[in-house]
């Protein structure tokens, strides 16, 4: 089995001893993405802006792994406040369109750097995708 580590400058660097994503047997496992920008800052305090930044980061990591949101088979959403579920769900639906991966959403006490939302994904590599690792 071959394991490849994914790193892209189009998403924030890992803030700990882990990779942005790992590819094993043409499966992509992303680390949880939070609302950091590529310069390592949190620029949005509201749930809408944070959710968009998280999904933009997730998209960038997937693309670097030769995948995409359309190739995602499972996501996990972590929320610091379940009152934000409806808003996150609406933005998530905009990003995923008609694609409907399996999903879990869990409430957590706190998230890294005090953010409101974190999302990770499991995806297939897209053999037609031209992105490189």
Protein backbone atom coordinates (compact mmCIF):
# COMPACT_ATOMS: atom_id res chain seq x y z
CA UNK A 1 0.00 0.00 0.00
CA UNK A 2 1.22 3.46 -0.90
CA UNK A 3 0.58 6.46 1.34
CA UNK A 4 0.99 10.02 0.04
CA UNK A 5 0.81 13.17 2.11
CA UNK A 6 -1.01 16.15 0.64
CA UNK A 7 0.22 19.69 1.06
CA UNK A 8 -1.03 22.78 -0.76
CA UNK A 9 -0.41 26.49 -0.34
CA UNK A 10 -4.04 27.06 -1.39
CA UNK A 11 -5.24 26.05 2.09
CA UNK A 12 -3.87 26.90 5.52
CA UNK A 13 -0.92 24.87 6.76
CA UNK A 14 -1.56 22.28 9.45
CA UNK A 15 -1.32 23.78 12.93
CA UNK A 16 0.04 20.58 14.44
CA UNK A 17 1.90 17.38 13.59
CA UNK A 18 -0.46 16.20 10.86
CA UNK A 19 -1.03 16.51 7.11
CA UNK A 20 -3.72 18.47 5.29
CA UNK A 21 -4.75 15.12 3.80
CA UNK A 22 -3.48 11.61 3.23
CA UNK A 23 -4.05 9.46 0.16
CA UNK A 24 -4.15 5.68 0.56
CA UNK A 25 -5.34 3.31 -2.17
CA UNK A 26 -6.91 6.16 -4.17
CA UNK A 27 -8.90 7.28 -1.11
CA UNK A 28 -8.43 10.80 0.24
CA UNK A 29 -8.74 11.42 3.97
CA UNK A 30 -8.68 15.11 4.84
CA UNK A 31 -7.82 16.58 8.18
CA UNK A 32 -10.46 18.78 9.72
CA UNK A 33 -10.55 22.18 8.08
CA UNK A 34 -11.26 25.28 10.12
CA UNK A 35 -11.77 28.91 9.14
CA UNK A 36 -8.10 29.81 8.84
CA UNK A 37 -7.01 31.65 5.72
CA UNK A 38 -3.81 30.71 3.89
CA UNK A 39 -1.96 33.35 5.92
CA UNK A 40 -3.01 31.59 9.14
CA UNK A 41 -5.61 34.13 10.24
CA UNK A 42 -9.26 33.84 11.16
CA UNK A 43 -10.88 36.72 9.30
CA UNK A 44 -14.57 35.89 9.88
CA UNK A 45 -16.22 35.72 13.26
CA UNK A 46 -19.71 34.83 12.00
CA UNK A 47 -20.80 31.29 11.18
CA UNK A 48 -21.57 32.14 7.54
CA UNK A 49 -18.08 33.43 6.77
CA UNK A 50 -16.39 30.68 8.75
CA UNK A 51 -18.37 27.95 6.99
CA UNK A 52 -17.49 29.34 3.56
CA UNK A 53 -13.81 29.57 4.49
CA UNK A 54 -13.86 25.98 5.80
CA UNK A 55 -15.45 24.70 2.59
CA UNK A 56 -13.03 26.73 0.45
CA UNK A 57 -10.14 25.17 2.40
CA UNK A 58 -11.65 21.70 2.02
CA UNK A 59 -12.04 22.26 -1.73
CA UNK A 60 -8.39 23.34 -2.06
CA UNK A 61 -7.11 20.31 -0.15
CA UNK A 62 -9.26 17.93 -2.19
CA UNK A 63 -8.07 19.49 -5.45
CA UNK A 64 -4.45 19.12 -4.35
CA UNK A 65 -5.21 15.43 -3.78
CA UNK A 66 -6.70 15.04 -7.29
CA UNK A 67 -10.25 14.98 -5.96
CA UNK A 68 -13.18 17.36 -5.56
CA UNK A 69 -16.34 17.93 -3.54
CA UNK A 70 -18.16 15.77 -6.10
CA UNK A 71 -15.93 12.83 -5.18
CA UNK A 72 -16.60 13.09 -1.41
CA UNK A 73 -18.27 10.03 0.07
CA UNK A 74 -18.43 11.07 3.75
CA UNK A 75 -18.07 14.27 5.76
CA UNK A 76 -18.11 15.05 9.44
CA UNK A 77 -19.14 18.50 10.63
CA UNK A 78 -18.18 19.65 14.10
CA UNK A 79 -20.15 22.58 15.53
CA UNK A 80 -19.47 24.49 18.70
CA UNK A 81 -23.16 25.47 18.81
CA UNK A 82 -25.96 23.38 17.28
CA UNK A 83 -27.97 26.59 16.84
CA UNK A 84 -25.74 27.11 13.79
CA UNK A 85 -26.85 23.82 12.17
CA UNK A 86 -29.40 25.36 9.79
CA UNK A 87 -27.02 28.04 8.52
CA UNK A 88 -24.14 25.59 8.04
CA UNK A 89 -26.48 23.13 6.34
CA UNK A 90 -27.65 25.76 3.81
CA UNK A 91 -24.09 26.83 2.91
CA UNK A 92 -22.96 23.19 2.75
CA UNK A 93 -25.82 22.44 0.33
CA UNK A 94 -24.72 25.36 -1.89
CA UNK A 95 -21.18 23.97 -2.12
CA UNK A 96 -22.19 20.35 -2.70
CA UNK A 97 -25.08 21.03 -5.05
CA UNK A 98 -26.90 17.82 -5.99
CA UNK A 99 -24.10 15.63 -4.63
CA UNK A 100 -25.16 14.09 -1.32
CA UNK A 101 -22.31 12.36 0.55
CA UNK A 102 -22.99 10.57 3.81
CA UNK A 103 -22.57 12.96 6.72
CA UNK A 104 -22.42 13.21 10.48
CA UNK A 105 -22.82 16.43 12.42
CA UNK A 106 -21.74 16.58 16.03
CA UNK A 107 -21.73 19.26 18.70
CA UNK A 108 -18.44 19.76 20.48
CA UNK A 109 -17.52 21.81 23.48
CA UNK A 110 -14.75 23.76 21.73
CA UNK A 111 -12.83 23.76 18.46
CA UNK A 112 -9.24 24.78 17.70
CA UNK A 113 -8.58 28.53 17.95
CA UNK A 114 -12.16 29.10 19.12
CA UNK A 115 -13.72 28.64 15.67
CA UNK A 116 -17.39 27.75 15.27
CA UNK A 117 -17.15 24.97 12.65
CA UNK A 118 -14.75 22.29 11.43
CA UNK A 119 -15.30 19.84 8.56
CA UNK A 120 -13.34 16.79 7.42
CA UNK A 121 -13.99 14.49 4.48
CA UNK A 122 -13.28 11.12 2.94
CA UNK A 123 -13.22 11.14 -0.87
CA UNK A 124 -12.20 9.15 -3.89
CA UNK A 125 -9.45 10.39 -6.14
CA UNK A 126 -10.76 11.55 -9.49
CA UNK A 127 -8.85 9.77 -12.28
CA UNK A 128 -9.84 12.56 -14.71
CA UNK A 129 -8.71 15.36 -12.38
CA UNK A 130 -5.49 16.98 -13.55
CA UNK A 131 -4.36 18.32 -10.17
CA UNK A 132 -1.10 16.92 -8.85
CA UNK A 133 -0.03 15.89 -5.39
